Amino acid sequence: MEWLNYHHLFYFWTVVRAGSITQAAAHLRLAQATISSQIKALEESLGEPLLVRAGRRLQPTAAGQVVFRYADEIFSLGRELREALAGRAVRPRPLTVGIADVLPKMLAHHLLAPVLAMDPPVQLVCRADKHDRLLGELAIHGVDLVLSDTPLDHTINIRGFNHLLGACGVALMASPRLGLQAAAFPACLDGAPFLLPGRGTVLRASLEQWFEEVEVTPRFVGVFDESALLKFFGSGGSGVFAVPAVVAAEVEESYRVRRLGECDMAVRERVYAITLERRVREPAVVAITAAAREIFGEG
């Protein structure tokens, strides 16, 4: 087995944090040439360039970013080990969750809240980004799982697994200032301003098909990749918007909007947990799936 030289890894980690070999050398009290040669040896052992110059600073390459994340965790665990042996409090183990931009944050909160109540404690780290970028992070272990309304497409070269957490209907909401009447739903949507979720989302495709089926033609005045921003515009009266029915009551209260009605069962909001494991064993992820059963009334 070829062993990793942790001294070399520590020098690389220090350089990335310092931004330059000069600063790292001053911190470590070593010659710059020594650090440079150690990092070169690390790059040769891993078979990848790890640093690139950007102006006066050194930045990690794509491979360097992966190595730095692992190094950060390795040296954090080393500090934790010393603290544990010294009788100090041990930090909670981390769970890093990627949350797709289009996924309603209220729904994500309900799914993840049980993680914060676990014993032993878990440190929850949330990263919101686009679905595809989060899958890339999952592939390199930058996140432990991804919560999204879109499943992993197996034409993408990522070995991951979809776990359907649940599905629910979709409610259409509007600010009272738009003057739309629920009694006239869905006809009231004809010609009404509408805020669409981003392109490529399952919900958007389902909504567009449903508009054709019920023969209404809203005015699409805005497209939003980020769900919280969409709701903010909707609460200001910019247009009608869609939310998962399971959080519709909370959206009404928090954003001071009204529910016009629900689409038929062909329009569904689905939530997936995407992991690198076929079976869910991590206790925190098990807690998330249990919360999903309660939220969606399944199981």
C-alpha atoms as a PDB file:
ATOM      1  CA  MET A   1       0.000   0.000   0.000  1.00  0.00           C
ATOM      2  CA  GLU A   2       1.272   3.474  -0.904  1.00  0.00           C
ATOM      3  CA  TRP A   3       0.977   5.658   2.203  1.00  0.00           C
ATOM      4  CA  LEU A   4       0.137   9.343   2.146  1.00  0.00           C
ATOM      5  CA  ASN A   5       2.827  11.601   3.587  1.00  0.00           C
ATOM      6  CA  TYR A   6       0.928  13.689   6.109  1.00  0.00           C
ATOM      7  CA  HIS A   7       3.801  16.144   6.563  1.00  0.00           C
ATOM      8  CA  HIS A   8       3.553  16.987   2.863  1.00  0.00           C
ATOM      9  CA  LEU A   9      -0.225  17.232   3.167  1.00  0.00           C
ATOM     10  CA  PHE A  10       0.107  19.569   6.148  1.00  0.00           C
ATOM     11  CA  TYR A  11       2.439  21.900   4.235  1.00  0.00           C
ATOM     12  CA  PHE A  12       0.012  21.997   1.291  1.00  0.00           C
ATOM     13  CA  TRP A  13      -2.923  22.679   3.641  1.00  0.00           C
ATOM     14  CA  THR A  14      -1.003  25.517   5.292  1.00  0.00           C
ATOM     15  CA  VAL A  15      -0.087  27.092   1.944  1.00  0.00           C
ATOM     16  CA  VAL A  16      -3.714  27.083   0.779  1.00  0.00           C
ATOM     17  CA  ARG A  17      -4.852  28.685   4.021  1.00  0.00           C
ATOM     18  CA  ALA A  18      -2.047  31.272   3.922  1.00  0.00           C
ATOM     19  CA  GLY A  19      -2.400  32.004   0.218  1.00  0.00           C
ATOM     20  CA  SER A  20       1.325  31.876  -0.511  1.00  0.00           C
ATOM     21  CA  ILE A  21       4.451  29.845   0.178  1.00  0.00           C
ATOM     22  CA  THR A  22       6.074  32.938   1.681  1.00  0.00           C
ATOM     23  CA  GLN A  23       3.345  33.314   4.320  1.00  0.00           C
ATOM     24  CA  ALA A  24       3.264  29.576   4.987  1.00  0.00           C
ATOM     25  CA  ALA A  25       7.060  29.480   5.392  1.00  0.00           C
ATOM     26  CA  ALA A  26       6.915  32.301   7.944  1.00  0.00           C
ATOM     27  CA  HIS A  27       4.176  30.491   9.867  1.00  0.00           C
ATOM     28  CA  LEU A  28       5.952  27.125   9.811  1.00  0.00           C
ATOM     29  CA  ARG A  29       9.432  28.629  10.292  1.00  0.00           C
ATOM     30  CA  LEU A  30      10.758  26.704   7.322  1.00  0.00           C
ATOM     31  CA  ALA A  31      12.591  27.709   4.168  1.00  0.00           C
ATOM     32  CA  GLN A  32      10.385  28.410   1.151  1.00  0.00           C
ATOM     33  CA  ALA A  33      12.407  25.920  -0.903  1.00  0.00           C
ATOM     34  CA  THR A  34      11.652  23.198   1.638  1.00  0.00           C
ATOM     35  CA  ILE A  35       7.909  23.763   1.428  1.00  0.00           C
ATOM     36  CA  SER A  36       7.982  23.972  -2.378  1.00  0.00           C
ATOM     37  CA  SER A  37       9.823  20.673  -2.659  1.00  0.00           C
ATOM     38  CA  GLN A  38       7.471  18.962  -0.190  1.00  0.00           C
ATOM     39  CA  ILE A  39       4.390  20.097  -2.126  1.00  0.00           C
ATOM     40  CA  LYS A  40       5.977  18.981  -5.393  1.00  0.00           C
ATOM     41  CA  ALA A  41       6.553  15.560  -3.815  1.00  0.00           C
ATOM     42  CA  LEU A  42       2.880  15.459  -2.767  1.00  0.00           C
ATOM     43  CA  GLU A  43       1.748  16.345  -6.299  1.00  0.00           C
ATOM     44  CA  GLU A  44       3.958  13.596  -7.733  1.00  0.00           C
ATOM     45  CA  SER A  45       2.615  11.018  -5.281  1.00  0.00           C
ATOM     46  CA  LEU A  46      -1.011  11.954  -6.070  1.00  0.00           C
ATOM     47  CA  GLY A  47      -0.412  12.368  -9.796  1.00  0.00           C
ATOM     48  CA  GLU A  48      -2.186  15.744  -9.956  1.00  0.00           C
ATOM     49  CA  PRO A  49      -1.130  19.421  -9.891  1.00  0.00           C
ATOM     50  CA  LEU A  50      -2.567  20.911  -6.703  1.00  0.00           C
ATOM     51  CA  LEU A  51      -1.752  24.626  -6.887  1.00  0.00           C
ATOM     52  CA  VAL A  52      -1.964  27.337  -9.535  1.00  0.00           C
ATOM     53  CA  ARG A  53      -0.856  30.950  -9.343  1.00  0.00           C
ATOM     54  CA  ALA A  54      -3.585  33.638  -9.487  1.00  0.00           C
ATOM     55  CA  GLY A  55      -1.884  37.025  -9.336  1.00  0.00           C
ATOM     56  CA  ARG A  56       0.200  37.134  -6.172  1.00  0.00           C
ATOM     57  CA  ARG A  57      -1.638  34.276  -4.509  1.00  0.00           C
ATOM     58  CA  LEU A  58      -1.637  30.531  -4.921  1.00  0.00           C
ATOM     59  CA  GLN A  59      -4.995  28.857  -5.356  1.00  0.00           C
ATOM     60  CA  PRO A  60      -5.853  25.149  -5.368  1.00  0.00           C
ATOM     61  CA  THR A  61      -6.692  23.485  -8.667  1.00  0.00           C
ATOM     62  CA  ALA A  62      -9.865  21.385  -8.934  1.00  0.00           C
ATOM     63  CA  ALA A  63      -7.903  18.403  -7.602  1.00  0.00           C
ATOM     64  CA  GLY A  64      -6.308  20.678  -5.009  1.00  0.00           C
ATOM     65  CA  GLN A  65      -9.736  21.717  -3.733  1.00  0.00           C
ATOM     66  CA  VAL A  66     -10.626  18.062  -3.153  1.00  0.00           C
ATOM     67  CA  VAL A  67      -7.323  17.424  -1.371  1.00  0.00           C
ATOM     68  CA  PHE A  68      -7.738  20.572   0.750  1.00  0.00           C
ATOM     69  CA  ARG A  69     -11.234  19.540   1.899  1.00  0.00           C
ATOM     70  CA  TYR A  70      -9.952  16.136   2.970  1.00  0.00           C
ATOM     71  CA  ALA A  71      -6.898  17.694   4.622  1.00  0.00           C
ATOM     72  CA  ASP A  72      -9.093  20.175   6.474  1.00  0.00           C
ATOM     73  CA  GLU A  73     -11.153  17.318   7.858  1.00  0.00           C
ATOM     74  CA  ILE A  74      -8.096  15.218   8.696  1.00  0.00           C
ATOM     75  CA  PHE A  75      -6.421  17.980  10.706  1.00  0.00           C
ATOM     76  CA  SER A  76      -9.708  18.982  12.322  1.00  0.00           C
ATOM     77  CA  LEU A  77     -10.101  15.386  13.486  1.00  0.00           C
ATOM     78  CA  GLY A  78      -6.552  15.491  14.800  1.00  0.00           C
ATOM     79  CA  ARG A  79      -7.373  18.526  16.925  1.00  0.00           C
ATOM     80  CA  GLU A  80     -10.558  16.835  18.080  1.00  0.00           C
ATOM     81  CA  LEU A  81      -8.602  13.745  19.111  1.00  0.00           C
ATOM     82  CA  ARG A  82      -6.274  15.806  21.271  1.00  0.00           C
ATOM     83  CA  GLU A  83      -9.217  17.637  22.844  1.00  0.00           C
ATOM     84  CA  ALA A  84     -11.024  14.363  23.542  1.00  0.00           C
ATOM     85  CA  LEU A  85      -7.962  12.887  25.261  1.00  0.00           C
ATOM     86  CA  ALA A  86      -7.593  16.082  27.276  1.00  0.00           C
ATOM     87  CA  GLY A  87     -11.187  15.718  28.492  1.00  0.00           C
ATOM     88  CA  ARG A  88     -12.538  18.672  26.556  1.00  0.00           C
ATOM     89  CA  ALA A  89     -15.870  18.705  24.737  1.00  0.00           C
ATOM     90  CA  VAL A  90     -15.849  16.872  21.423  1.00  0.00           C
ATOM     91  CA  ARG A  91     -17.389  18.697  18.483  1.00  0.00           C
ATOM     92  CA  PRO A  92     -20.486  17.184  16.852  1.00  0.00           C
ATOM     93  CA  ARG A  93     -19.871  15.101  13.766  1.00  0.00           C
ATOM     94  CA  PRO A  94     -20.729  17.058  10.598  1.00  0.00           C
ATOM     95  CA  LEU A  95     -23.431  16.281   8.056  1.00  0.00           C
ATOM     96  CA  THR A  96     -23.112  18.373   4.900  1.00  0.00           C
ATOM     97  CA  VAL A  97     -26.328  18.647   2.907  1.00  0.00           C
ATOM     98  CA  GLY A  98     -26.636  20.182  -0.536  1.00  0.00           C
ATOM     99  CA  ILE A  99     -30.031  21.831  -1.082  1.00  0.00           C
ATOM    100  CA  ALA A 100     -31.116  22.527  -4.645  1.00  0.00           C
ATOM    101  CA  ASP A 101     -32.000  26.197  -5.214  1.00  0.00           C
ATOM    102  CA  VAL A 102     -35.483  25.361  -6.447  1.00  0.00           C
ATOM    103  CA  LEU A 103     -36.400  23.310  -3.371  1.00  0.00           C
ATOM    104  CA  PRO A 104     -38.606  25.375  -1.001  1.00  0.00           C
ATOM    105  CA  LYS A 105     -36.574  26.284   2.066  1.00  0.00           C
ATOM    106  CA  MET A 106     -39.538  25.739   4.395  1.00  0.00           C
ATOM    107  CA  LEU A 107     -39.714  22.159   3.202  1.00  0.00           C
ATOM    108  CA  ALA A 108     -35.957  21.724   3.582  1.00  0.00           C
ATOM    109  CA  HIS A 109     -36.204  23.082   7.131  1.00  0.00           C
ATOM    110  CA  HIS A 110     -38.857  20.544   8.119  1.00  0.00           C
ATOM    111  CA  LEU A 111     -36.821  17.703   6.633  1.00  0.00           C
ATOM    112  CA  LEU A 112     -33.579  18.724   8.325  1.00  0.00           C
ATOM    113  CA  ALA A 113     -34.823  19.995  11.707  1.00  0.00           C
ATOM    114  CA  PRO A 114     -34.710  16.503  13.345  1.00  0.00           C
ATOM    115  CA  VAL A 115     -30.968  16.322  12.610  1.00  0.00           C
ATOM    116  CA  LEU A 116     -30.336  19.194  15.037  1.00  0.00           C
ATOM    117  CA  ALA A 117     -32.102  17.313  17.829  1.00  0.00           C
ATOM    118  CA  MET A 118     -30.065  14.110  17.522  1.00  0.00           C
ATOM    119  CA  ASP A 119     -28.075  12.556  20.347  1.00  0.00           C
ATOM    120  CA  PRO A 120     -25.118  12.333  19.928  1.00  0.00           C
ATOM    121  CA  PRO A 121     -25.283  15.771  18.323  1.00  0.00           C
ATOM    122  CA  VAL A 122     -24.712  16.418  14.636  1.00  0.00           C
ATOM    123  CA  GLN A 123     -23.347  19.620  13.152  1.00  0.00           C
ATOM    124  CA  LEU A 124     -25.573  20.423  10.161  1.00  0.00           C
ATOM    125  CA  VAL A 125     -23.844  22.155   7.242  1.00  0.00           C
ATOM    126  CA  CYS A 126     -26.194  23.358   4.475  1.00  0.00           C
ATOM    127  CA  ARG A 127     -25.096  24.404   1.004  1.00  0.00           C
ATOM    128  CA  ALA A 128     -27.634  25.803  -1.456  1.00  0.00           C
ATOM    129  CA  ASP A 129     -26.729  25.647  -5.142  1.00  0.00           C
ATOM    130  CA  LYS A 130     -27.916  24.433  -8.503  1.00  0.00           C
ATOM    131  CA  HIS A 131     -28.830  20.762  -8.801  1.00  0.00           C
ATOM    132  CA  ASP A 132     -26.022  19.873 -11.244  1.00  0.00           C
ATOM    133  CA  ARG A 133     -23.301  21.590  -9.229  1.00  0.00           C
ATOM    134  CA  LEU A 134     -24.410  19.842  -6.055  1.00  0.00           C
ATOM    135  CA  LEU A 135     -24.210  16.482  -7.823  1.00  0.00           C
ATOM    136  CA  GLY A 136     -20.637  17.331  -8.740  1.00  0.00           C
ATOM    137  CA  GLU A 137     -19.941  18.070  -5.068  1.00  0.00           C
ATOM    138  CA  LEU A 138     -21.535  14.761  -4.103  1.00  0.00           C
ATOM    139  CA  ALA A 139     -19.291  12.890  -6.522  1.00  0.00           C
ATOM    140  CA  ILE A 140     -16.154  14.256  -4.849  1.00  0.00           C
ATOM    141  CA  HIS A 141     -17.590  13.904  -1.317  1.00  0.00           C
ATOM    142  CA  GLY A 142     -18.001  17.655  -0.914  1.00  0.00           C
ATOM    143  CA  VAL A 143     -21.514  16.978   0.430  1.00  0.00           C
ATOM    144  CA  ASP A 144     -22.938  13.880   2.091  1.00  0.00           C
ATOM    145  CA  LEU A 145     -26.291  14.036   0.341  1.00  0.00           C
ATOM    146  CA  VAL A 146     -28.311  16.262  -1.958  1.00  0.00           C
ATOM    147  CA  LEU A 147     -31.946  17.265  -1.420  1.00  0.00           C
ATOM    148  CA  SER A 148     -33.612  18.081  -4.727  1.00  0.00           C
ATOM    149  CA  ASP A 149     -36.909  18.007  -6.598  1.00  0.00           C
ATOM    150  CA  THR A 150     -35.110  16.309  -9.488  1.00  0.00           C
ATOM    151  CA  PRO A 151     -33.687  12.769  -9.341  1.00  0.00           C
ATOM    152  CA  LEU A 152     -30.171  11.887 -10.408  1.00  0.00           C
ATOM    153  CA  ASP A 153     -30.151  11.284 -14.139  1.00  0.00           C
ATOM    154  CA  HIS A 154     -28.139   8.120 -14.669  1.00  0.00           C
ATOM    155  CA  THR A 155     -26.898   9.396 -18.020  1.00  0.00           C
ATOM    156  CA  ILE A 156     -24.643  11.584 -15.823  1.00  0.00           C
ATOM    157  CA  ASN A 157     -21.404   9.857 -14.926  1.00  0.00           C
ATOM    158  CA  ILE A 158     -22.001   9.840 -11.170  1.00  0.00           C
ATOM    159  CA  ARG A 159     -22.501   6.658  -9.194  1.00  0.00           C
ATOM    160  CA  GLY A 160     -25.311   7.733  -6.910  1.00  0.00           C
ATOM    161  CA  PHE A 161     -28.735   6.586  -5.818  1.00  0.00           C
ATOM    162  CA  ASN A 162     -32.132   8.308  -5.631  1.00  0.00           C
ATOM    163  CA  HIS A 163     -34.228   7.948  -2.485  1.00  0.00           C
ATOM    164  CA  LEU A 164     -37.729   9.359  -2.971  1.00  0.00           C
ATOM    165  CA  LEU A 165     -38.612  11.080   0.298  1.00  0.00           C
ATOM    166  CA  GLY A 166     -42.168  11.906  -0.706  1.00  0.00           C
ATOM    167  CA  ALA A 167     -44.527  13.673  -3.080  1.00  0.00           C
ATOM    168  CA  CYS A 168     -47.410  16.087  -2.638  1.00  0.00           C
ATOM    169  CA  GLY A 169     -49.775  18.295  -4.598  1.00  0.00           C
ATOM    170  CA  VAL A 170     -48.984  21.843  -5.667  1.00  0.00           C
ATOM    171  CA  ALA A 171     -50.880  24.925  -4.476  1.00  0.00           C
ATOM    172  CA  LEU A 172     -50.972  28.217  -6.376  1.00  0.00           C
ATOM    173  CA  MET A 173     -50.600  31.334  -4.236  1.00  0.00           C
ATOM    174  CA  ALA A 174     -51.115  35.055  -4.882  1.00  0.00           C
ATOM    175  CA  SER A 175     -50.931  38.344  -3.047  1.00  0.00           C
ATOM    176  CA  PRO A 176     -54.377  39.861  -2.288  1.00  0.00           C
ATOM    177  CA  ARG A 177     -53.327  42.974  -4.210  1.00  0.00           C
ATOM    178  CA  LEU A 178     -53.607  40.989  -7.471  1.00  0.00           C
ATOM    179  CA  GLY A 179     -57.378  40.762  -6.905  1.00  0.00           C
ATOM    180  CA  LEU A 180     -57.667  37.148  -8.036  1.00  0.00           C
ATOM    181  CA  GLN A 181     -60.571  35.140  -6.630  1.00  0.00           C
ATOM    182  CA  ALA A 182     -60.206  31.526  -5.502  1.00  0.00           C
ATOM    183  CA  ALA A 183     -63.818  30.907  -6.488  1.00  0.00           C
ATOM    184  CA  ALA A 184     -62.840  31.448 -10.132  1.00  0.00           C
ATOM    185  CA  PHE A 185     -59.848  29.070 -10.000  1.00  0.00           C
ATOM    186  CA  PRO A 186     -58.328  28.023 -12.372  1.00  0.00           C
ATOM    187  CA  ALA A 187     -59.985  30.393 -14.882  1.00  0.00           C
ATOM    188  CA  CYS A 188     -58.681  33.383 -12.886  1.00  0.00           C
ATOM    189  CA  LEU A 189     -55.165  32.442 -13.993  1.00  0.00           C
ATOM    190  CA  ASP A 190     -55.930  33.314 -17.620  1.00  0.00           C
ATOM    191  CA  GLY A 191     -53.952  36.461 -18.373  1.00  0.00           C
ATOM    192  CA  ALA A 192     -52.752  36.746 -14.755  1.00  0.00           C
ATOM    193  CA  PRO A 193     -49.054  37.430 -14.065  1.00  0.00           C
ATOM    194  CA  PHE A 194     -47.224  34.229 -13.137  1.00  0.00           C
ATOM    195  CA  LEU A 195     -43.792  33.545 -11.663  1.00  0.00           C
ATOM    196  CA  LEU A 196     -42.261  30.345 -13.030  1.00  0.00           C
ATOM    197  CA  PRO A 197     -39.605  28.133 -11.447  1.00  0.00           C
ATOM    198  CA  GLY A 198     -36.363  27.808 -13.413  1.00  0.00           C
ATOM    199  CA  ARG A 199     -35.951  25.998 -16.705  1.00  0.00           C
ATOM    200  CA  GLY A 200     -35.291  22.295 -16.579  1.00  0.00           C
ATOM    201  CA  THR A 201     -37.174  21.725 -13.324  1.00  0.00           C
ATOM    202  CA  VAL A 202     -39.792  18.987 -13.117  1.00  0.00           C
ATOM    203  CA  LEU A 203     -42.305  21.387 -11.545  1.00  0.00           C
ATOM    204  CA  ARG A 204     -42.047  23.888 -14.375  1.00  0.00           C
ATOM    205  CA  ALA A 205     -42.665  21.251 -17.042  1.00  0.00           C
ATOM    206  CA  SER A 206     -45.663  19.919 -15.112  1.00  0.00           C
ATOM    207  CA  LEU A 207     -47.147  23.400 -14.654  1.00  0.00           C
ATOM    208  CA  GLU A 208     -46.810  24.279 -18.333  1.00  0.00           C
ATOM    209  CA  GLN A 209     -48.557  21.051 -19.316  1.00  0.00           C
ATOM    210  CA  TRP A 210     -51.310  21.646 -16.746  1.00  0.00           C
ATOM    211  CA  PHE A 211     -51.974  25.165 -18.105  1.00  0.00           C
ATOM    212  CA  GLU A 212     -52.651  23.618 -21.515  1.00  0.00           C
ATOM    213  CA  GLU A 213     -54.955  20.963 -20.052  1.00  0.00           C
ATOM    214  CA  VAL A 214     -57.113  23.492 -18.138  1.00  0.00           C
ATOM    215  CA  GLU A 215     -56.933  25.933 -21.083  1.00  0.00           C
ATOM    216  CA  VAL A 216     -55.536  28.971 -19.296  1.00  0.00           C
ATOM    217  CA  THR A 217     -52.708  31.204 -20.493  1.00  0.00           C
ATOM    218  CA  PRO A 218     -50.996  33.135 -17.703  1.00  0.00           C
ATOM    219  CA  ARG A 219     -48.533  35.926 -18.465  1.00  0.00           C
ATOM    220  CA  PHE A 220     -45.116  34.636 -17.513  1.00  0.00           C
ATOM    221  CA  VAL A 221     -43.544  37.757 -16.030  1.00  0.00           C
ATOM    222  CA  GLY A 222     -40.590  36.169 -14.238  1.00  0.00           C
ATOM    223  CA  VAL A 223     -38.452  33.048 -13.990  1.00  0.00           C
ATOM    224  CA  PHE A 224     -36.668  32.234 -10.728  1.00  0.00           C
ATOM    225  CA  ASP A 225     -34.082  29.561 -10.006  1.00  0.00           C
ATOM    226  CA  GLU A 226     -34.181  30.310  -6.271  1.00  0.00           C
ATOM    227  CA  SER A 227     -37.394  29.410  -4.442  1.00  0.00           C
ATOM    228  CA  ALA A 228     -37.114  31.982  -1.623  1.00  0.00           C
ATOM    229  CA  LEU A 229     -36.605  34.822  -4.105  1.00  0.00           C
ATOM    230  CA  LEU A 230     -39.639  33.658  -6.092  1.00  0.00           C
ATOM    231  CA  LYS A 231     -41.814  33.799  -2.968  1.00  0.00           C
ATOM    232  CA  PHE A 232     -40.504  37.237  -2.070  1.00  0.00           C
ATOM    233  CA  PHE A 233     -41.556  38.599  -5.462  1.00  0.00           C
ATOM    234  CA  GLY A 234     -44.872  36.765  -5.198  1.00  0.00           C
ATOM    235  CA  SER A 235     -45.618  38.269  -1.799  1.00  0.00           C
ATOM    236  CA  GLY A 236     -45.008  41.703  -3.277  1.00  0.00           C
ATOM    237  CA  GLY A 237     -47.744  41.164  -5.853  1.00  0.00           C
ATOM    238  CA  SER A 238     -45.528  40.469  -8.863  1.00  0.00           C
ATOM    239  CA  GLY A 239     -47.397  37.298  -9.801  1.00  0.00           C
ATOM    240  CA  VAL A 240     -48.956  33.963  -8.900  1.00  0.00           C
ATOM    241  CA  PHE A 241     -46.520  31.265  -7.784  1.00  0.00           C
ATOM    242  CA  ALA A 242     -46.537  27.556  -6.930  1.00  0.00           C
ATOM    243  CA  VAL A 243     -45.574  25.914  -3.636  1.00  0.00           C
ATOM    244  CA  PRO A 244     -45.808  22.353  -2.293  1.00  0.00           C
ATOM    245  CA  ALA A 245     -49.244  21.878  -0.736  1.00  0.00           C
ATOM    246  CA  VAL A 246     -47.702  20.556   2.505  1.00  0.00           C
ATOM    247  CA  VAL A 247     -46.237  24.005   3.275  1.00  0.00           C
ATOM    248  CA  ALA A 248     -49.007  26.133   1.711  1.00  0.00           C
ATOM    249  CA  ALA A 249     -50.465  27.139   5.096  1.00  0.00           C
ATOM    250  CA  GLU A 250     -47.058  28.303   6.340  1.00  0.00           C
ATOM    251  CA  VAL A 251     -46.442  30.237   3.129  1.00  0.00           C
ATOM    252  CA  GLU A 252     -49.829  31.956   3.537  1.00  0.00           C
ATOM    253  CA  GLU A 253     -48.942  33.054   7.055  1.00  0.00           C
ATOM    254  CA  SER A 254     -45.308  33.976   6.471  1.00  0.00           C
ATOM    255  CA  TYR A 255     -45.699  35.777   3.144  1.00  0.00           C
ATOM    256  CA  ARG A 256     -49.254  37.106   3.622  1.00  0.00           C
ATOM    257  CA  VAL A 257     -50.562  35.579   0.429  1.00  0.00           C
ATOM    258  CA  ARG A 258     -53.708  33.563  -0.351  1.00  0.00           C
ATOM    259  CA  ARG A 259     -54.170  30.099  -1.732  1.00  0.00           C
ATOM    260  CA  LEU A 260     -56.079  30.252  -5.014  1.00  0.00           C
ATOM    261  CA  GLY A 261     -56.361  26.502  -5.426  1.00  0.00           C
ATOM    262  CA  GLU A 262     -54.446  23.324  -6.141  1.00  0.00           C
ATOM    263  CA  CYS A 263     -53.433  21.817  -9.451  1.00  0.00           C
ATOM    264  CA  ASP A 264     -54.706  18.341 -10.213  1.00  0.00           C
ATOM    265  CA  MET A 265     -52.739  15.265  -9.174  1.00  0.00           C
ATOM    266  CA  ALA A 266     -50.708  15.292 -12.395  1.00  0.00           C
ATOM    267  CA  VAL A 267     -48.724  18.205 -10.939  1.00  0.00           C
ATOM    268  CA  ARG A 268     -46.684  16.901  -8.028  1.00  0.00           C
ATOM    269  CA  GLU A 269     -43.748  18.226  -6.038  1.00  0.00           C
ATOM    270  CA  ARG A 270     -41.322  15.387  -5.393  1.00  0.00           C
ATOM    271  CA  VAL A 271     -38.347  15.482  -3.077  1.00  0.00           C
ATOM    272  CA  TYR A 272     -35.355  13.176  -3.416  1.00  0.00           C
ATOM    273  CA  ALA A 273     -32.384  12.497  -1.202  1.00  0.00           C
ATOM    274  CA  ILE A 274     -29.483  11.630  -3.487  1.00  0.00           C
ATOM    275  CA  THR A 275     -26.608   9.736  -1.883  1.00  0.00           C
ATOM    276  CA  LEU A 276     -23.618   7.650  -2.903  1.00  0.00           C
ATOM    277  CA  GLU A 277     -25.041   4.679  -0.987  1.00  0.00           C
ATOM    278  CA  ARG A 278     -27.779   2.373  -2.233  1.00  0.00           C
ATOM    279  CA  ARG A 279     -29.094   1.827   1.295  1.00  0.00           C
ATOM    280  CA  VAL A 280     -29.486   4.615   3.832  1.00  0.00           C
ATOM    281  CA  ARG A 281     -27.543   3.736   6.993  1.00  0.00           C
ATOM    282  CA  GLU A 282     -26.275   7.086   8.315  1.00  0.00           C
ATOM    283  CA  PRO A 283     -28.450   7.872  11.387  1.00  0.00           C
ATOM    284  CA  ALA A 284     -28.901  11.513  10.395  1.00  0.00           C
ATOM    285  CA  VAL A 285     -30.159  10.541   6.938  1.00  0.00           C
ATOM    286  CA  VAL A 286     -32.472   7.961   8.521  1.00  0.00           C
ATOM    287  CA  ALA A 287     -33.874  10.805  10.665  1.00  0.00           C
ATOM    288  CA  ILE A 288     -34.486  12.852   7.502  1.00  0.00           C
ATOM    289  CA  THR A 289     -36.387  10.004   5.838  1.00  0.00           C
ATOM    290  CA  ALA A 290     -38.495   9.534   8.990  1.00  0.00           C
ATOM    291  CA  ALA A 291     -39.328  13.266   8.982  1.00  0.00           C
ATOM    292  CA  ALA A 292     -40.325  12.984   5.326  1.00  0.00           C
ATOM    293  CA  ARG A 293     -42.829  10.220   6.114  1.00  0.00           C
ATOM    294  CA  GLU A 294     -44.525  12.499   8.627  1.00  0.00           C
ATOM    295  CA  ILE A 295     -44.491  15.538   6.330  1.00  0.00           C
ATOM    296  CA  PHE A 296     -45.848  13.746   3.290  1.00  0.00           C
ATOM    297  CA  GLY A 297     -48.081  11.361   5.230  1.00  0.00           C
ATOM    298  CA  GLU A 298     -46.500   8.260   3.767  1.00  0.00           C
ATOM    299  CA  GLY A 299     -45.308   5.052   5.297  1.00  0.00           C
END
